[in-house]
Structures are given as structure tokens and as C-alpha cells.
Amino acid sequence: MCLLPNPDPFMPSIPEHPERNIIRVQLAQNIVLKGMTAEQSAELESHLVIVDGQKGDFLLQQGVHEMEQYFILEGILKRVVTNEQGKEMILRFADERDMETSYAAWRLGTPTPYSTVCVTKVRVAKLPLPEWVAFLERHHALKQSFEYCVMRLMSEIMAHTITLHLLDAPGRVKRFLRKHPELFDRIPKKELASYLNLSAETLSRLKQRGKI
């Protein structure tokens, strides 16, 4: 598929980007893309645009049918589901070298069941999900690796949801520290407390008392 030149100056293609060499290195380190050949990288690059988001920006809104694939270059994203009363639940955080996707919803033909939101200042490389799926169909080893990552993410979210019910407050925090030590000091404590179903005060108190 041949893409038209990107008309939006705020979402440049990689060859147009002043930091294109750094971006190419970052993409090569991504959990999904790190095994690609030079030819595959060049092919995928022709479909990607670079987006810079600020804290609180939505990359994807819950309930839409137009979906995209995101490769995180800098910063932290969160996956959030919101009920009809407006109450939010954070399902996961993802940082550099990780990705965000609505692949399962796209395959099922359903709207996105969650939003993708910037926790910090963020830079991602993105492309429409149908184009990403078409790319995967041409590269079956990459498709297998990607689908494994999707299943692992779904399993991690399920495990997190279960621990919210089974573990006490210190146990939830300790599990997060064990699983994601690199994120603990980077995520705003209010966001982390919400993810762990705690108040920010409880999280602060646990830290002060040396419980974590």
C-alpha cells in the first residue's frame, strides 16, 4: 500500500522528522519490532507518523471504531476504561519500548473498550490498525510475536484485576514494585494509587512507614 504524504505538520513521517535517526533507534528497541529486518523496518516506516502528546492527552477514545497501533518512543501511557457514571479504572501502564493496541477489539469488530491516555509527555509512532494488520499478514513471524504480546498484556491485566481483590494494600504495592520497579517513581502517585485501588494518602502513608 502506498501512502500519500502526510499533510499534518504536527504528525510528521519519520523521514521528515528532525530526530529521525534517534526515532529509528528507538523503534528498533521496541518489544514488538526489535527483530525486524532492515527491509521490514523500511516498509513499516513508510506507514508511520510521529505524534507528541502532553500529559492528559487522549490518543484513543473509548467507544470508537477507528483504531490505531502505537509504538511508545518516550513517556508513559495508560489504558483506561470508563463506566456510564464516569468512574475510571486504569488497566495498565506502558512506557518506552512497549506498545498500545486495540487489536482484539478490531478483530472482533467491536468499538474500543478503553481509552489510551498520556500519563506524562509522550512521543509515539503510530499507524492505522488496518494498515498494521495488513503489514503483519505479509510477515507471519512478526505477527506471531505481536499476537503473543497481545495475549501477554491481556493476561497481565487479568492478573492485576484479580490481585485488587485478593491482596491487601501493602501487597498490591509490593506486587507492582516487583513487576514494574522502573515505573514506581515515574508515575504520578495519584495515578498509581488509582491503579492500585488506593487513596493517594494511603499510598503515601505506606511509603512513609516503610511498608513498601
Protein backbone atom coordinates (compact mmCIF):
# COMPACT_ATOMS: atom_id res chain seq x y z
CA MET A 1 0.00 0.00 0.00
CA CYS A 2 1.34 3.42 -0.96
CA LEU A 3 0.56 6.20 1.47
CA LEU A 4 0.05 9.80 0.46
CA PRO A 5 2.46 12.31 2.02
CA ASN A 6 1.32 13.22 5.49
CA PRO A 7 -0.45 16.61 5.34
CA ASP A 8 -0.33 17.36 9.08
CA PRO A 9 2.86 19.19 10.13
CA PHE A 10 2.23 18.14 13.74
CA MET A 11 2.41 14.45 12.78
CA PRO A 12 5.48 14.19 10.53
CA SER A 13 6.58 11.00 8.89
CA ILE A 14 9.90 9.60 10.09
CA PRO A 15 11.97 10.81 7.08
CA GLU A 16 10.55 14.32 7.64
CA HIS A 17 11.28 14.35 11.37
CA PRO A 18 14.38 16.27 12.59
CA GLU A 19 15.11 13.50 15.12
CA ARG A 20 14.58 10.65 12.65
CA ASN A 21 17.87 8.91 13.47
CA ILE A 22 17.03 8.71 17.19
CA ILE A 23 13.48 7.58 16.37
CA ARG A 24 14.78 4.75 14.19
CA VAL A 25 16.97 3.52 17.05
CA GLN A 26 14.02 3.70 19.45
CA LEU A 27 11.79 1.73 17.09
CA ALA A 28 14.48 -0.93 16.71
CA GLN A 29 14.38 -1.39 20.51
CA ASN A 30 10.61 -1.83 20.69
CA ILE A 31 9.38 -5.10 22.18
CA VAL A 32 7.44 -5.95 19.02
CA LEU A 33 9.74 -4.52 16.34
CA LYS A 34 13.22 -5.37 17.62
CA GLY A 35 13.55 -8.50 15.49
CA MET A 36 12.68 -6.91 12.16
CA THR A 37 14.98 -6.91 9.16
CA ALA A 38 16.15 -3.69 7.54
CA GLU A 39 13.68 -4.28 4.70
CA GLN A 40 10.78 -4.78 7.09
CA SER A 41 11.75 -1.66 9.05
CA ALA A 42 11.83 0.42 5.89
CA GLU A 43 8.46 -0.94 4.79
CA LEU A 44 6.84 -0.21 8.15
CA GLU A 45 8.43 3.24 8.38
CA SER A 46 6.55 4.32 5.27
CA HIS A 47 3.29 3.85 7.19
CA LEU A 48 4.27 5.55 10.46
CA VAL A 49 3.80 9.11 11.69
CA ILE A 50 5.22 10.60 14.88
CA VAL A 51 2.91 12.12 17.49
CA ASP A 52 3.90 14.14 20.55
CA GLY A 53 1.34 14.22 23.36
CA GLN A 54 1.11 16.15 26.59
CA LYS A 55 0.02 14.84 29.98
CA GLY A 56 -3.71 14.13 29.88
CA ASP A 57 -4.00 13.98 26.09
CA PHE A 58 -6.13 11.19 24.64
CA LEU A 59 -4.54 9.22 21.82
CA LEU A 60 -7.60 6.98 21.56
CA GLN A 61 -11.13 7.43 22.88
CA GLN A 62 -13.19 4.59 24.34
CA GLY A 63 -16.09 3.56 22.09
CA VAL A 64 -14.69 4.45 18.66
CA HIS A 65 -14.25 2.19 15.64
CA GLU A 66 -11.26 3.96 14.06
CA MET A 67 -8.30 2.35 15.80
CA GLU A 68 -4.54 2.79 15.66
CA GLN A 69 -1.39 0.93 16.64
CA TYR A 70 1.05 2.80 18.89
CA PHE A 71 4.76 2.20 19.50
CA ILE A 72 5.97 4.17 22.52
CA LEU A 73 9.20 6.06 21.95
CA GLU A 74 9.21 8.29 25.06
CA GLY A 75 6.98 8.69 28.10
CA ILE A 76 4.18 6.70 29.72
CA LEU A 77 0.68 5.82 28.50
CA LYS A 78 -2.23 4.35 30.42
CA ARG A 79 -5.16 2.22 29.31
CA VAL A 80 -8.36 3.44 30.98
CA VAL A 81 -11.94 2.15 30.96
CA THR A 82 -14.80 4.45 31.99
CA ASN A 83 -18.32 3.40 33.01
CA GLU A 84 -21.55 5.25 32.27
CA GLN A 85 -21.27 7.18 35.54
CA GLY A 86 -17.85 8.47 34.54
CA LYS A 87 -15.88 6.36 37.01
CA GLU A 88 -12.47 5.37 35.64
CA MET A 89 -10.36 2.28 36.12
CA ILE A 90 -6.74 2.15 34.96
CA LEU A 91 -6.00 -1.22 33.38
CA ARG A 92 -2.27 -0.84 32.68
CA PHE A 93 0.67 1.50 32.20
CA ALA A 94 3.12 1.25 29.31
CA ASP A 95 6.40 3.06 28.74
CA GLU A 96 9.29 3.22 26.28
CA ARG A 97 9.88 0.12 24.14
CA ASP A 98 6.32 -1.03 24.78
CA MET A 99 3.21 -0.63 22.64
CA GLU A 100 -0.52 0.03 22.88
CA THR A 101 -3.16 -1.51 20.65
CA SER A 102 -6.86 -2.26 20.19
CA TYR A 103 -6.09 -5.34 18.11
CA ALA A 104 -8.54 -7.67 19.88
CA ALA A 105 -11.43 -5.22 19.50
CA TRP A 106 -10.55 -4.67 15.84
CA ARG A 107 -10.54 -8.41 15.18
CA LEU A 108 -13.91 -8.78 16.92
CA GLY A 109 -15.40 -5.83 15.07
CA THR A 110 -16.32 -4.06 18.31
CA PRO A 111 -15.67 -0.48 19.45
CA THR A 112 -12.59 0.21 21.54
CA PRO A 113 -13.37 -0.90 25.12
CA TYR A 114 -10.90 1.58 26.65
CA SER A 115 -9.09 4.87 26.08
CA THR A 116 -5.35 5.40 25.65
CA VAL A 117 -4.17 8.46 27.58
CA CYS A 118 -0.81 10.19 28.13
CA VAL A 119 0.34 9.96 31.74
CA THR A 120 3.41 12.10 31.02
CA LYS A 121 4.74 13.92 28.00
CA VAL A 122 4.75 11.21 25.33
CA ARG A 123 6.10 10.52 21.87
CA VAL A 124 4.72 7.63 19.84
CA ALA A 125 4.98 6.27 16.34
CA LYS A 126 1.55 5.27 15.08
CA LEU A 127 -0.35 3.91 12.09
CA PRO A 128 -3.97 2.93 11.43
CA LEU A 129 -4.68 -0.54 12.78
CA PRO A 130 -5.90 -1.92 9.40
CA GLU A 131 -2.53 -0.98 7.88
CA TRP A 132 -0.67 -2.62 10.77
CA VAL A 133 -2.73 -5.80 10.36
CA ALA A 134 -2.04 -5.82 6.60
CA PHE A 135 1.68 -5.47 7.36
CA LEU A 136 1.50 -8.39 9.81
CA GLU A 137 -0.20 -10.57 7.20
CA ARG A 138 2.87 -10.11 5.00
CA HIS A 139 5.26 -11.01 7.84
CA HIS A 140 4.00 -14.06 9.70
CA ALA A 141 6.84 -14.40 12.22
CA LEU A 142 6.24 -10.83 13.32
CA LYS A 143 2.50 -11.49 13.51
CA GLN A 144 3.08 -14.44 15.85
CA SER A 145 5.34 -12.33 18.08
CA PHE A 146 2.83 -9.47 18.15
CA GLU A 147 -0.14 -11.71 18.96
CA TYR A 148 1.88 -13.28 21.78
CA CYS A 149 2.47 -9.78 23.19
CA VAL A 150 -1.26 -9.04 22.97
CA MET A 151 -2.11 -12.23 24.84
CA ARG A 152 0.54 -11.47 27.47
CA LEU A 153 -0.90 -7.99 28.00
CA MET A 154 -4.41 -9.37 28.40
CA SER A 155 -3.12 -11.95 30.88
CA GLU A 156 -1.32 -9.26 32.89
CA ILE A 157 -4.45 -7.11 33.05
CA MET A 158 -6.49 -10.08 34.25
CA ALA A 159 -3.88 -10.91 36.89
CA HIS A 160 -3.86 -7.29 38.08
CA THR A 161 -7.65 -7.22 38.35
CA ILE A 162 -7.61 -10.40 40.43
CA THR A 163 -4.94 -9.07 42.80
CA LEU A 164 -7.07 -5.99 43.52
CA HIS A 165 -9.48 -8.40 45.24
CA LEU A 166 -7.04 -10.89 46.73
CA LEU A 167 -4.21 -8.73 48.11
CA ASP A 168 -4.27 -6.11 50.83
CA ALA A 169 -2.95 -2.59 50.22
CA PRO A 170 0.74 -3.32 51.02
CA GLY A 171 0.56 -6.49 48.95
CA ARG A 172 -0.75 -4.64 45.90
CA VAL A 173 2.01 -2.07 46.12
CA LYS A 174 4.72 -4.69 46.61
CA ARG A 175 3.46 -6.63 43.61
CA PHE A 176 3.67 -3.51 41.45
CA LEU A 177 7.20 -2.84 42.68
CA ARG A 178 8.18 -6.40 41.85
CA LYS A 179 6.60 -6.29 38.39
CA HIS A 180 7.40 -2.70 37.38
CA PRO A 181 10.15 -1.24 39.59
CA GLU A 182 11.22 1.15 36.82
CA LEU A 183 7.81 2.86 36.80
CA PHE A 184 7.22 3.44 40.51
CA ASP A 185 8.94 6.83 40.72
CA ARG A 186 7.88 7.96 37.24
CA ILE A 187 4.10 7.65 37.59
CA PRO A 188 2.28 10.44 39.47
CA LYS A 189 1.30 9.00 42.84
CA LYS A 190 -2.35 9.90 42.34
CA GLU A 191 -2.38 7.82 39.13
CA LEU A 192 -0.53 4.92 40.74
CA ALA A 193 -2.87 4.95 43.74
CA SER A 194 -5.88 4.83 41.42
CA TYR A 195 -4.38 1.88 39.54
CA LEU A 196 -3.86 0.03 42.83
CA ASN A 197 -7.34 0.98 44.10
CA LEU A 198 -5.88 3.01 46.96
CA SER A 199 -6.14 6.61 48.03
CA ALA A 200 -3.09 8.76 47.41
CA GLU A 201 -2.91 9.26 51.19
CA THR A 202 -2.78 5.50 51.82
CA LEU A 203 0.00 5.06 49.28
CA SER A 204 1.97 7.91 50.84
CA ARG A 205 1.43 6.51 54.34
CA LEU A 206 2.64 3.05 53.31
CA LYS A 207 5.77 4.57 51.82
CA GLN A 208 6.47 6.69 54.92
CA ARG A 209 6.05 3.72 57.23
CA GLY A 210 8.46 1.64 55.21
CA LYS A 211 5.77 -0.88 54.27
CA ILE A 212 6.95 -0.79 50.67
